[in-house]
């Protein structure tokens, strides 16, 4: 007997679209067929809708201490928002507290997340201290399923800036064990110089946040990072890429035979730098900042062509009150915006406009991130043996992306004025319904930690 059958389904996978039914038992997909005759406890009709693999949001910051405060969403509220947006797995960034080891950081994040997560999760590791003890623990955290590390090429003031020599050292060590190195790519010295000049001229408004982090700061850092990845023979991943020039640099690196990939985010696909001229400008402060229309259009083309591998939220949200920490100084505004709940509707809007195909949407949001971070085939696809992580999307449902319709703890929505057509109406996480018709119906702690597997494993090392 099956626990659940999804019937009348237009199933969208990374390889194609087909009509059929999905049988689920004990949290796994046991059948994908034209018709399923086996008895079941529950039938879910998807007539007139689309059935996709649950999204893998490869970039979230829940309970993240940053710029003098902590992100507004914890692992409970943040994953409630994820579930209501069709995201069934998040990969969160565990950030190394000063003086802590990588293993201590891993345990700290597990203690934070395990009792609260409402969908499944995995972890990245932010390394901020490249001492020998931490380098020695890279092998151990990869064995625990933390398959990727993140390094910052900026944020000196916040103790995150990593020097080129230490980026290279970490890349070499991670490459030994088949892991991935993610990089926040911006030229720190250039940014610090511009910030100082603007503040000295009493130009303190959020508008100057974007002006102090121009496109060339990202492009230069991406080029430098890909060079280091070539030296170290590392698998490298550019997080939250925002510019055409950075994308072209990634393509050039791949053409040289390097394993270099990139993600972008819903906000770069939706807004431009004009948002920094409005009354709510502070709410759009993130890094890298919003860019020109030409960059936004180039990113959509990059998604369609496969030059950009994934779309992730960079869900790193701060309330209006928290943003006011930089009321007198734009460089003090906590950097980050919400986004885990809007990945699917923003990308489906691109499908409706003919910018990307449905199959590409699944590749960008499920299949590719699951493969990139070692979660495939458990995650990222609808096939026998995979977790029953499924989202049902109603292509006709109109939804305003307002604060009142979203589920984060935020007191505002940067998408407030946007209404989309095409929205998730049901989410299953390992066969359990966790979201239905805009309501979260799962439970706190219902999710589990899912370890990632490295890309290549040396048996003698792991």
Protein backbone atom coordinates (compact mmCIF):
# COMPACT_ATOMS: atom_id res chain seq x y z
CA UNK A 1 0.00 0.00 0.00
CA UNK A 2 1.25 3.48 -0.86
CA UNK A 3 1.21 6.46 1.46
CA UNK A 4 0.32 8.88 -1.33
CA UNK A 5 -0.25 9.05 -5.06
CA UNK A 6 -0.01 12.27 -7.07
CA UNK A 7 -2.46 11.84 -9.93
CA UNK A 8 -3.15 13.61 -13.24
CA UNK A 9 0.35 15.06 -13.10
CA UNK A 10 2.17 17.02 -15.76
CA UNK A 11 5.60 16.06 -14.46
CA UNK A 12 8.47 18.42 -15.27
CA UNK A 13 11.96 16.99 -14.83
CA UNK A 14 15.34 18.26 -15.97
CA UNK A 15 15.18 15.96 -18.99
CA UNK A 16 11.63 16.56 -20.18
CA UNK A 17 7.90 16.76 -19.51
CA UNK A 18 5.50 13.82 -19.36
CA UNK A 19 2.04 12.93 -18.10
CA UNK A 20 1.79 10.39 -15.31
CA UNK A 21 1.37 9.56 -11.65
CA UNK A 22 3.81 9.41 -8.75
CA UNK A 23 3.64 6.78 -6.02
CA UNK A 24 5.16 7.50 -2.60
CA UNK A 25 5.98 5.21 0.31
CA UNK A 26 8.06 5.90 3.43
CA UNK A 27 9.15 9.29 2.14
CA UNK A 28 10.55 8.00 -1.14
CA UNK A 29 9.26 7.87 -4.70
CA UNK A 30 8.49 4.22 -5.47
CA UNK A 31 6.68 4.55 -8.81
CA UNK A 32 6.53 7.00 -11.70
CA UNK A 33 4.12 5.64 -14.27
CA UNK A 34 1.27 6.45 -16.64
CA UNK A 35 -1.14 5.02 -14.10
CA UNK A 36 -0.82 3.52 -10.62
CA UNK A 37 -3.35 0.93 -9.48
CA UNK A 38 -1.93 0.21 -6.02
CA UNK A 39 -4.11 1.34 -3.11
CA UNK A 40 -3.10 4.46 -1.22
CA UNK A 41 -3.90 6.40 1.93
CA UNK A 42 -4.13 9.67 0.04
CA UNK A 43 -4.53 10.90 -3.51
CA UNK A 44 -3.37 14.35 -4.56
CA UNK A 45 -4.87 15.56 -7.83
CA UNK A 46 -2.61 17.77 -9.92
CA UNK A 47 -5.07 18.21 -12.78
CA UNK A 48 -4.42 21.44 -14.63
CA UNK A 49 -1.17 22.00 -12.73
CA UNK A 50 2.53 21.22 -13.05
CA UNK A 51 4.50 18.88 -10.80
CA UNK A 52 8.19 19.70 -10.27
CA UNK A 53 10.97 18.36 -8.04
CA UNK A 54 11.14 20.29 -4.79
CA UNK A 55 13.55 23.19 -5.11
CA UNK A 56 17.05 23.08 -3.62
CA UNK A 57 17.89 26.58 -2.41
CA UNK A 58 21.67 26.46 -2.32
CA UNK A 59 22.24 29.80 -0.56
CA UNK A 60 20.51 30.77 2.69
CA UNK A 61 21.55 32.59 5.85
CA UNK A 62 19.30 31.63 8.76
CA UNK A 63 20.25 32.92 12.23
CA UNK A 64 23.30 34.49 10.62
CA UNK A 65 25.31 36.97 12.73
CA UNK A 66 26.39 39.78 10.44
CA UNK A 67 27.17 43.51 10.54
CA UNK A 68 26.24 43.95 14.19
CA UNK A 69 22.97 42.03 14.14
CA UNK A 70 21.45 38.63 13.29
CA UNK A 71 19.22 37.83 10.32
CA UNK A 72 15.51 38.13 11.03
CA UNK A 73 14.59 34.56 10.05
CA UNK A 74 15.65 31.65 12.21
CA UNK A 75 15.65 28.06 10.97
CA UNK A 76 11.96 27.70 11.73
CA UNK A 77 10.51 30.85 10.16
CA UNK A 78 12.98 30.73 7.27
CA UNK A 79 12.14 27.15 6.32
CA UNK A 80 8.41 27.83 6.69
CA UNK A 81 8.92 30.46 3.98
CA UNK A 82 10.96 27.96 1.96
CA UNK A 83 8.25 25.31 2.14
CA UNK A 84 5.55 27.77 1.06
CA UNK A 85 7.68 28.64 -1.98
CA UNK A 86 8.21 25.03 -3.02
CA UNK A 87 11.73 24.77 -1.58
CA UNK A 88 12.21 21.38 0.08
CA UNK A 89 15.94 21.60 0.80
CA UNK A 90 18.04 24.58 1.84
CA UNK A 91 21.81 24.70 2.05
CA UNK A 92 22.69 27.12 4.81
CA UNK A 93 25.98 28.87 5.57
CA UNK A 94 27.52 27.97 8.91
CA UNK A 95 29.86 30.83 9.75
CA UNK A 96 32.89 30.16 11.87
CA UNK A 97 32.81 32.21 15.10
CA UNK A 98 36.14 33.84 15.81
CA UNK A 99 38.41 31.36 17.56
CA UNK A 100 36.19 28.34 16.84
CA UNK A 101 37.24 25.35 14.79
CA UNK A 102 35.40 24.09 11.73
CA UNK A 103 34.12 21.06 13.61
CA UNK A 104 32.84 23.24 16.44
CA UNK A 105 31.09 25.44 13.89
CA UNK A 106 29.48 22.40 12.27
CA UNK A 107 28.16 21.21 15.63
CA UNK A 108 26.90 24.70 16.49
CA UNK A 109 24.87 24.92 13.27
CA UNK A 110 23.47 21.41 13.71
CA UNK A 111 22.28 22.38 17.21
CA UNK A 112 20.65 25.52 15.84
CA UNK A 113 18.96 23.86 12.89
CA UNK A 114 17.98 20.32 13.89
CA UNK A 115 15.18 21.23 16.35
CA UNK A 116 13.68 23.90 14.08
CA UNK A 117 13.94 23.10 10.37
CA UNK A 118 10.63 22.45 8.63
CA UNK A 119 12.22 21.10 5.44
CA UNK A 120 15.49 19.26 4.87
CA UNK A 121 18.79 21.07 4.95
CA UNK A 122 22.48 20.72 4.24
CA UNK A 123 25.40 22.99 5.10
CA UNK A 124 28.20 25.05 3.63
CA UNK A 125 31.11 26.15 5.82
CA UNK A 126 32.27 29.79 5.90
CA UNK A 127 35.96 29.78 6.77
CA UNK A 128 37.22 33.02 8.23
CA UNK A 129 40.51 31.83 9.77
CA UNK A 130 42.91 29.93 7.52
CA UNK A 131 45.17 28.57 10.22
CA UNK A 132 46.69 25.11 9.98
CA UNK A 133 44.26 23.61 12.49
CA UNK A 134 41.30 24.64 10.35
CA UNK A 135 42.98 23.48 7.15
CA UNK A 136 43.47 20.09 8.81
CA UNK A 137 39.75 19.87 9.58
CA UNK A 138 38.56 20.40 6.00
CA UNK A 139 38.79 16.68 5.37
CA UNK A 140 36.69 15.98 8.48
CA UNK A 141 33.88 18.40 7.66
CA UNK A 142 33.64 17.01 4.14
CA UNK A 143 33.27 13.55 5.65
CA UNK A 144 30.36 14.94 7.69
CA UNK A 145 28.63 16.05 4.50
CA UNK A 146 29.68 19.71 4.39
CA UNK A 147 30.75 19.41 0.80
CA UNK A 148 31.48 23.09 0.14
CA UNK A 149 33.23 25.98 1.82
CA UNK A 150 32.70 29.69 1.25
CA UNK A 151 35.31 32.41 1.28
CA UNK A 152 34.88 36.17 1.16
CA UNK A 153 36.99 38.51 -0.93
CA UNK A 154 35.53 41.53 0.89
CA UNK A 155 34.08 42.56 4.30
CA UNK A 156 37.40 43.26 6.02
CA UNK A 157 35.62 45.24 8.74
CA UNK A 158 33.48 42.23 9.61
CA UNK A 159 36.45 39.90 9.84
CA UNK A 160 35.55 37.90 6.73
CA UNK A 161 38.09 39.06 4.13
CA UNK A 162 40.35 36.21 2.99
CA UNK A 163 43.71 36.98 1.38
CA UNK A 164 44.60 35.54 -2.00
CA UNK A 165 47.27 33.28 -0.55
CA UNK A 166 44.81 31.80 1.93
CA UNK A 167 42.15 31.38 -0.76
CA UNK A 168 44.70 29.40 -2.73
CA UNK A 169 45.70 27.30 0.31
CA UNK A 170 42.08 26.47 1.11
CA UNK A 171 41.27 25.72 -2.53
CA UNK A 172 44.12 23.22 -2.69
CA UNK A 173 42.98 21.47 0.48
CA UNK A 174 39.32 21.32 -0.54
CA UNK A 175 40.27 20.00 -3.98
CA UNK A 176 42.06 17.03 -2.37
CA UNK A 177 38.74 15.72 -1.09
CA UNK A 178 36.42 16.54 -3.98
CA UNK A 179 34.77 19.58 -2.40
CA UNK A 180 33.67 22.91 -3.83
CA UNK A 181 34.90 26.41 -2.96
CA UNK A 182 32.27 29.15 -3.16
CA UNK A 183 33.44 32.74 -3.35
CA UNK A 184 31.88 36.12 -2.66
CA UNK A 185 33.71 38.04 -5.36
CA UNK A 186 34.26 41.78 -4.87
CA UNK A 187 37.51 43.77 -4.79
CA UNK A 188 37.73 44.87 -1.17
CA UNK A 189 40.40 47.58 -1.49
CA UNK A 190 38.57 49.32 -4.31
CA UNK A 191 35.30 49.24 -2.34
CA UNK A 192 36.91 50.58 0.85
CA UNK A 193 38.47 53.44 -1.09
CA UNK A 194 35.14 54.42 -2.67
CA UNK A 195 33.27 54.14 0.64
CA UNK A 196 35.78 56.45 2.31
CA UNK A 197 35.49 59.01 -0.48
CA UNK A 198 31.67 59.05 -0.38
CA UNK A 199 31.50 59.32 3.41
CA UNK A 200 34.10 62.09 3.43
CA UNK A 201 31.88 63.99 0.99
CA UNK A 202 28.88 63.36 3.33
CA UNK A 203 27.22 61.15 0.74
CA UNK A 204 25.64 58.74 3.19
CA UNK A 205 22.39 57.62 1.51
CA UNK A 206 21.73 54.01 0.36
CA UNK A 207 22.19 55.15 -3.24
CA UNK A 208 25.93 55.30 -2.57
CA UNK A 209 26.00 51.69 -1.48
CA UNK A 210 25.63 50.71 -5.14
CA UNK A 211 28.04 53.40 -6.30
CA UNK A 212 30.70 52.17 -3.87
CA UNK A 213 30.47 48.57 -5.18
CA UNK A 214 30.57 49.09 -8.98
CA UNK A 215 30.41 46.24 -11.51
CA UNK A 216 34.16 46.25 -12.09
CA UNK A 217 34.74 45.40 -8.42
CA UNK A 218 32.91 42.12 -8.99
CA UNK A 219 34.42 41.43 -12.39
CA UNK A 220 38.01 41.89 -11.21
CA UNK A 221 37.46 39.63 -8.21
CA UNK A 222 35.88 36.88 -10.33
CA UNK A 223 38.85 36.97 -12.72
CA UNK A 224 41.31 36.81 -9.84
CA UNK A 225 39.38 33.98 -8.18
CA UNK A 226 39.26 31.90 -11.36
CA UNK A 227 43.00 32.36 -11.74
CA UNK A 228 43.53 31.04 -8.23
CA UNK A 229 41.18 28.13 -8.95
CA UNK A 230 43.31 27.27 -11.96
CA UNK A 231 46.47 27.31 -9.85
CA UNK A 232 44.82 25.02 -7.27
CA UNK A 233 42.93 22.80 -9.74
CA UNK A 234 39.81 23.52 -7.68
CA UNK A 235 36.08 23.24 -8.30
CA UNK A 236 34.93 26.83 -7.82
CA UNK A 237 31.50 28.41 -7.50
CA UNK A 238 30.74 32.14 -7.80
CA UNK A 239 27.89 32.98 -5.44
CA UNK A 240 25.23 35.64 -6.14
CA UNK A 241 26.70 36.80 -9.45
CA UNK A 242 25.18 40.10 -10.59
CA UNK A 243 26.93 41.37 -13.73
CA UNK A 244 27.38 40.51 -17.37
CA UNK A 245 31.14 40.97 -17.06
CA UNK A 246 31.38 38.45 -14.23
CA UNK A 247 29.37 35.93 -16.23
CA UNK A 248 31.68 36.39 -19.21
CA UNK A 249 34.67 35.80 -16.93
CA UNK A 250 33.15 32.53 -15.72
CA UNK A 251 32.55 31.43 -19.32
CA UNK A 252 36.14 32.29 -20.22
CA UNK A 253 37.40 30.21 -17.30
CA UNK A 254 35.27 27.24 -18.32
CA UNK A 255 36.55 27.58 -21.87
CA UNK A 256 40.05 27.20 -20.42
CA UNK A 257 38.97 23.88 -18.94
CA UNK A 258 38.40 25.03 -15.36
CA UNK A 259 35.60 23.72 -13.14
CA UNK A 260 34.04 27.13 -12.50
CA UNK A 261 30.30 27.63 -12.06
CA UNK A 262 28.02 30.42 -10.95
CA UNK A 263 24.67 31.19 -9.39
CA UNK A 264 22.50 34.27 -9.52
CA UNK A 265 19.51 35.34 -7.41
CA UNK A 266 15.87 36.36 -7.92
CA UNK A 267 16.52 40.00 -6.99
CA UNK A 268 19.12 40.44 -9.74
CA UNK A 269 16.61 38.99 -12.21
CA UNK A 270 13.85 41.37 -11.10
CA UNK A 271 15.20 44.77 -10.06
CA UNK A 272 17.74 47.32 -11.24
CA UNK A 273 19.83 49.95 -9.51
CA UNK A 274 16.91 52.38 -9.83
CA UNK A 275 15.53 50.90 -6.62
CA UNK A 276 18.24 52.81 -4.70
CA UNK A 277 16.54 56.09 -5.58
CA UNK A 278 13.27 55.30 -3.83
CA UNK A 279 12.02 55.89 -0.28
CA UNK A 280 12.55 52.20 0.54
CA UNK A 281 16.11 52.16 -0.84
CA UNK A 282 17.61 50.77 2.37
CA UNK A 283 15.57 47.57 1.99
CA UNK A 284 17.35 46.79 -1.30
CA UNK A 285 20.86 47.00 0.13
CA UNK A 286 22.66 43.74 -0.55
CA UNK A 287 26.10 42.90 -1.89
CA UNK A 288 26.79 42.84 -4.71
CA UNK A 289 24.16 45.55 -5.24
CA UNK A 290 21.46 45.70 -7.88
CA UNK A 291 22.80 46.47 -11.34
CA UNK A 292 21.84 48.01 -14.68
CA UNK A 293 19.05 46.75 -16.94
CA UNK A 294 21.69 45.42 -19.36
CA UNK A 295 23.09 43.20 -16.61
CA UNK A 296 19.66 41.88 -15.69
CA UNK A 297 18.93 41.00 -19.31
CA UNK A 298 22.33 39.33 -19.67
CA UNK A 299 21.68 37.17 -16.61
CA UNK A 300 18.41 35.90 -18.09
CA UNK A 301 20.28 35.04 -21.29
CA UNK A 302 22.89 33.26 -19.17
CA UNK A 303 20.19 31.17 -17.53
CA UNK A 304 18.72 30.20 -20.90
CA UNK A 305 22.11 29.23 -22.37
CA UNK A 306 23.35 27.30 -19.33
CA UNK A 307 26.18 29.76 -18.67
CA UNK A 308 24.72 30.25 -15.18
CA UNK A 309 24.34 26.97 -13.33
CA UNK A 310 21.86 27.73 -10.55
CA UNK A 311 19.46 30.25 -9.07
CA UNK A 312 19.50 30.55 -5.28
CA UNK A 313 17.92 33.07 -2.95
CA UNK A 314 20.80 34.38 -0.81
CA UNK A 315 18.00 34.64 1.79
CA UNK A 316 19.66 37.00 4.28
CA UNK A 317 16.94 39.25 5.59
CA UNK A 318 16.91 42.19 7.96
CA UNK A 319 13.88 44.16 9.15
CA UNK A 320 13.41 47.89 8.59
CA UNK A 321 14.61 48.52 12.12
CA UNK A 322 17.76 46.49 11.51
CA UNK A 323 18.40 48.32 8.24
CA UNK A 324 18.25 51.59 10.21
CA UNK A 325 21.58 50.65 11.80
CA UNK A 326 22.95 52.42 8.72
CA UNK A 327 20.61 55.38 8.79
CA UNK A 328 23.50 57.83 8.94
CA UNK A 329 26.04 55.74 7.02
CA UNK A 330 25.15 53.46 4.09
CA UNK A 331 28.14 51.24 4.82
CA UNK A 332 26.52 50.24 8.13
CA UNK A 333 23.25 49.03 6.59
CA UNK A 334 23.12 45.23 7.10
CA UNK A 335 23.54 43.70 3.66
CA UNK A 336 20.88 41.25 2.56
CA UNK A 337 17.33 40.64 1.35
CA UNK A 338 14.80 37.78 1.60
CA UNK A 339 14.11 35.48 -1.33
CA UNK A 340 13.69 31.76 -0.61
CA UNK A 341 9.91 31.91 -1.11
CA UNK A 342 10.01 33.71 -4.47
CA UNK A 343 12.57 31.70 -6.48
CA UNK A 344 9.94 29.57 -8.19
CA UNK A 345 7.42 32.31 -9.11
CA UNK A 346 10.17 34.64 -10.37
CA UNK A 347 11.68 31.89 -12.52
CA UNK A 348 8.27 30.76 -13.76
CA UNK A 349 7.63 34.35 -14.83
CA UNK A 350 10.68 33.89 -17.05
CA UNK A 351 9.09 30.74 -18.49
CA UNK A 352 5.88 32.64 -19.22
CA UNK A 353 7.86 35.34 -21.04
CA UNK A 354 9.65 32.73 -23.14
CA UNK A 355 13.05 33.48 -21.58
CA UNK A 356 13.69 29.95 -20.28
CA UNK A 357 12.02 26.56 -20.69
CA UNK A 358 10.30 24.57 -17.95
CA UNK A 359 13.08 21.99 -18.10
CA UNK A 360 15.67 24.74 -17.65
CA UNK A 361 13.76 26.05 -14.63
CA UNK A 362 14.07 22.59 -13.02
CA UNK A 363 17.76 22.40 -13.90
CA UNK A 364 18.45 25.80 -12.34
CA UNK A 365 16.46 25.32 -9.15
CA UNK A 366 16.60 21.57 -8.40
CA UNK A 367 18.78 19.32 -10.53
CA UNK A 368 21.89 21.51 -10.86
CA UNK A 369 22.16 22.59 -7.19
CA UNK A 370 21.56 18.99 -6.08
CA UNK A 371 24.39 17.82 -8.32
CA UNK A 372 26.66 20.76 -7.49
CA UNK A 373 26.47 20.08 -3.76
CA UNK A 374 26.39 16.30 -3.72
CA UNK A 375 22.69 15.76 -2.96
CA UNK A 376 21.68 14.08 -6.24
CA UNK A 377 19.89 11.69 -6.83
CA UNK A 378 18.32 11.86 -3.39
CA UNK A 379 17.32 15.45 -4.20
CA UNK A 380 16.74 17.40 -7.40
CA UNK A 381 14.66 14.99 -9.49
CA UNK A 382 11.44 13.02 -9.69
CA UNK A 383 12.53 9.43 -10.13
CA UNK A 384 12.19 6.10 -8.34
CA UNK A 385 14.37 6.01 -5.22
CA UNK A 386 14.60 9.77 -4.78
CA UNK A 387 13.09 11.57 -1.81
CA UNK A 388 9.44 12.46 -2.42
CA UNK A 389 10.18 16.18 -2.51
CA UNK A 390 7.53 17.58 -4.82
CA UNK A 391 6.00 20.97 -5.57
CA UNK A 392 2.72 21.46 -7.39
CA UNK A 393 2.58 24.72 -9.33
CA UNK A 394 -0.66 26.27 -10.54
CA UNK A 395 0.26 28.14 -13.75
CA UNK A 396 -2.92 30.23 -13.54
CA UNK A 397 -2.70 31.34 -9.92
CA UNK A 398 -2.12 35.07 -9.58
CA UNK A 399 -0.35 36.12 -6.41
CA UNK A 400 0.95 39.43 -5.19
CA UNK A 401 4.35 39.00 -3.56
CA UNK A 402 3.42 41.22 -0.64
CA UNK A 403 4.41 40.92 2.98
CA UNK A 404 0.92 39.66 3.84
CA UNK A 405 1.16 36.80 1.33
CA UNK A 406 4.70 35.69 2.20
CA UNK A 407 5.83 33.83 5.30
CA UNK A 408 9.15 35.30 6.39
CA UNK A 409 9.40 37.29 9.62
CA UNK A 410 10.11 40.39 7.56
CA UNK A 411 8.07 43.54 8.13
CA UNK A 412 8.23 44.39 4.42
CA UNK A 413 8.59 42.76 1.02
CA UNK A 414 10.94 44.11 -1.61
CA UNK A 415 8.58 42.42 -4.11
CA UNK A 416 5.51 44.23 -2.70
CA UNK A 417 4.37 45.73 -6.01
CA UNK A 418 4.92 42.60 -8.07
CA UNK A 419 2.08 40.25 -8.97
CA UNK A 420 3.00 36.98 -10.64
CA UNK A 421 0.95 34.43 -12.55
CA UNK A 422 2.07 30.94 -11.60
CA UNK A 423 2.53 30.03 -7.96
CA UNK A 424 3.13 26.89 -5.85
CA UNK A 425 -0.04 25.55 -4.23
CA UNK A 426 1.25 22.33 -2.62
CA UNK A 427 4.62 21.19 -1.31
CA UNK A 428 5.58 17.69 -0.18
CA UNK A 429 8.77 17.13 1.79
CA UNK A 430 9.73 13.44 1.86
CA UNK A 431 6.12 12.60 1.13
CA UNK A 432 4.60 14.80 3.84
CA UNK A 433 2.45 17.76 2.87
CA UNK A 434 4.11 20.81 4.44
CA UNK A 435 2.35 23.56 2.50
CA UNK A 436 -1.08 23.74 0.96
CA UNK A 437 -2.87 26.73 -0.61
CA UNK A 438 -0.68 29.35 1.02
CA UNK A 439 -0.73 27.78 4.48
CA UNK A 440 2.16 26.04 6.19
CA UNK A 441 0.91 22.67 7.47
CA UNK A 442 4.19 21.01 8.39
CA UNK A 443 5.87 20.99 11.77
CA UNK A 444 8.86 22.51 13.52
CA UNK A 445 11.76 20.07 13.39
CA UNK A 446 10.14 18.04 10.62
CA UNK A 447 13.16 18.44 8.37
CA UNK A 448 16.44 16.53 8.57
CA UNK A 449 20.11 17.12 7.87
CA UNK A 450 21.14 15.70 4.48
CA UNK A 451 24.89 15.24 4.02
CA UNK A 452 26.39 16.16 0.66
CA UNK A 453 28.75 13.80 -1.14
CA UNK A 454 32.00 15.13 -2.61
CA UNK A 455 32.43 15.21 -6.38
CA UNK A 456 35.36 12.83 -6.38
CA UNK A 457 36.47 10.67 -3.50
CA UNK A 458 39.85 9.18 -2.87
CA UNK A 459 39.16 5.94 -0.97
CA UNK A 460 42.36 6.27 1.02
CA UNK A 461 41.37 9.78 2.11
CA UNK A 462 37.66 9.46 2.93
